[in-house]
Amino acid sequence: MQLKVKFTYDFAEIDGRIPMIVFLDSLSIKERAKIFAYIEKLVELKNCGIHPKENLSKHLDDGIFELRVSFENRISRSFYFYELDKQIIFTHGFIKKEQKTPKSEIEKAKTIRKLWRGGK
C-alpha cells in the first residue's frame, strides 16, 4: 500500500527571520486568524484535488502564487510557492493599497524563495 502524501505548509526562514510571521504580527488577532483559516482552506482544497478559485489563490509569475484575504476595510496578499513533497512555503505578506499587485512584492517573494532554497 502506498501512502498518499498530503499538502502541508510552512513559512520560509531567511537569516533567522521569518518574513511571513513579521507580517502576521503586524495584523490584528482577528485578521491573523482569518489568514490562518484561509491557509487551512487552501491546504484542504489541494488535498481534495480541488483547484482553488482565483478569489482565494492566484498564480502571479514564475511559480509564485498569492493567497487573497479580504478584511473589513483592507485586503491582504500572502505569497507562496510549492516545494517537493507537496509543501506550500509562504514567503511574506502585505496589505494591498492598489488594484494591481506591485512587481516589487512579487520580486521579494522570488528572492525569499531563492534564499530559502539555497539555505536548504
Protein backbone atom coordinates (compact mmCIF):
# COMPACT_ATOMS: atom_id res chain seq x y z
CA MET A 1 0.00 0.00 0.00
CA GLN A 2 1.32 3.40 -0.99
CA LEU A 3 0.85 6.30 1.40
CA LYS A 4 -0.67 9.37 -0.19
CA VAL A 5 1.41 12.45 0.57
CA LYS A 6 -0.78 15.33 1.69
CA PHE A 7 -0.13 19.03 1.22
CA THR A 8 1.36 20.82 4.20
CA TYR A 9 2.52 24.40 4.67
CA ASP A 10 5.42 26.18 6.28
CA PHE A 11 6.96 29.66 6.43
CA ALA A 12 10.30 30.45 4.81
CA GLU A 13 13.04 31.36 7.29
CA ILE A 14 15.77 33.66 5.97
CA ASP A 15 18.78 34.53 8.15
CA GLY A 16 16.87 33.71 11.33
CA ARG A 17 13.88 35.86 10.29
CA ILE A 18 10.51 34.60 9.10
CA PRO A 19 9.01 37.38 6.92
CA MET A 20 5.52 35.84 6.98
CA ILE A 21 5.50 35.87 10.81
CA VAL A 22 6.67 39.51 10.79
CA PHE A 23 3.69 40.29 8.53
CA LEU A 24 1.24 38.31 10.68
CA ASP A 25 2.50 40.09 13.81
CA SER A 26 1.55 43.43 12.21
CA LEU A 27 -2.12 42.39 11.97
CA SER A 28 -4.93 42.27 14.50
CA ILE A 29 -5.70 38.91 16.13
CA LYS A 30 -8.92 38.69 14.10
CA GLU A 31 -7.08 39.34 10.80
CA ARG A 32 -4.34 36.86 11.70
CA ALA A 33 -6.96 34.19 12.48
CA LYS A 34 -8.64 34.80 9.14
CA ILE A 35 -5.35 34.35 7.24
CA PHE A 36 -4.69 31.06 9.06
CA ALA A 37 -8.25 29.93 8.23
CA TYR A 38 -7.64 30.71 4.54
CA ILE A 39 -4.28 28.88 4.60
CA GLU A 40 -6.07 25.83 6.05
CA LYS A 41 -8.78 26.15 3.38
CA LEU A 42 -6.13 26.27 0.63
CA VAL A 43 -4.39 23.15 2.02
CA GLU A 44 -7.72 21.32 2.35
CA LEU A 45 -8.73 22.11 -1.24
CA LYS A 46 -5.34 20.97 -2.55
CA ASN A 47 -5.60 17.74 -0.55
CA CYS A 48 -9.02 17.07 -2.07
CA GLY A 49 -7.64 17.66 -5.56
CA ILE A 50 -9.72 20.82 -5.99
CA HIS A 51 -8.11 23.77 -7.75
CA PRO A 52 -8.69 26.91 -5.63
CA LYS A 53 -10.72 29.67 -7.27
CA GLU A 54 -8.94 32.88 -8.25
CA ASN A 55 -10.64 34.88 -5.49
CA LEU A 56 -8.72 32.67 -2.98
CA SER A 57 -5.45 31.95 -4.76
CA LYS A 58 -3.90 33.18 -7.98
CA HIS A 59 -0.70 32.34 -9.86
CA LEU A 60 1.27 35.55 -10.39
CA ASP A 61 4.61 34.78 -12.05
CA ASP A 62 7.28 32.08 -12.21
CA GLY A 63 5.71 29.71 -9.67
CA ILE A 64 4.79 32.47 -7.21
CA PHE A 65 1.17 32.48 -6.02
CA GLU A 66 -0.81 34.82 -3.79
CA LEU A 67 -3.37 33.94 -1.15
CA ARG A 68 -6.05 36.63 -1.15
CA VAL A 69 -7.78 37.55 2.12
CA SER A 70 -10.24 40.43 2.49
CA PHE A 71 -10.76 42.11 5.81
CA GLU A 72 -13.45 44.65 6.71
CA ASN A 73 -11.60 47.65 5.31
CA ARG A 74 -8.49 46.30 3.61
CA ILE A 75 -7.07 43.39 1.65
CA SER A 76 -4.03 41.24 2.37
CA ARG A 77 -1.92 39.21 -0.01
CA SER A 78 0.33 36.41 1.21
CA PHE A 79 2.83 34.96 -1.24
CA TYR A 80 3.76 31.31 -1.54
CA PHE A 81 5.33 28.69 -3.78
CA TYR A 82 5.24 24.92 -3.99
CA GLU A 83 8.13 22.71 -2.94
CA LEU A 84 8.66 18.98 -3.40
CA ASP A 85 6.55 16.62 -1.26
CA LYS A 86 3.52 18.88 -1.69
CA GLN A 87 4.85 21.53 0.65
CA ILE A 88 3.43 25.05 0.36
CA ILE A 89 6.01 27.60 1.50
CA PHE A 90 4.78 31.09 2.42
CA THR A 91 7.32 33.86 1.83
CA HIS A 92 5.69 37.04 3.13
CA GLY A 93 2.56 39.14 3.02
CA PHE A 94 1.46 42.73 2.71
CA ILE A 95 -1.63 44.91 2.87
CA LYS A 96 -2.73 45.80 -0.60
CA LYS A 97 -3.05 49.51 -1.32
CA GLU A 98 -3.68 49.44 -5.06
CA GLN A 99 -5.59 47.33 -7.59
CA LYS A 100 -2.58 45.58 -9.09
CA THR A 101 -0.09 43.56 -7.04
CA PRO A 102 3.18 45.53 -7.08
CA LYS A 103 6.02 43.90 -9.05
CA SER A 104 8.36 44.64 -6.13
CA GLU A 105 6.31 42.32 -3.88
CA ILE A 106 6.47 39.50 -6.46
CA GLU A 107 10.23 40.02 -6.78
CA LYS A 108 10.57 39.94 -2.98
CA ALA A 109 8.77 36.56 -2.95
CA LYS A 110 11.15 35.23 -5.64
CA THR A 111 14.17 36.47 -3.66
CA ILE A 112 12.94 34.80 -0.45
CA ARG A 113 12.31 31.56 -2.39
CA LYS A 114 15.82 31.65 -3.85
CA LEU A 115 17.40 32.31 -0.43
CA TRP A 116 15.25 29.64 1.23
CA ARG A 117 16.14 27.03 -1.36
CA GLY A 118 19.81 27.98 -1.13
CA GLY A 119 19.75 27.59 2.61
CA LYS A 120 18.36 24.06 2.49
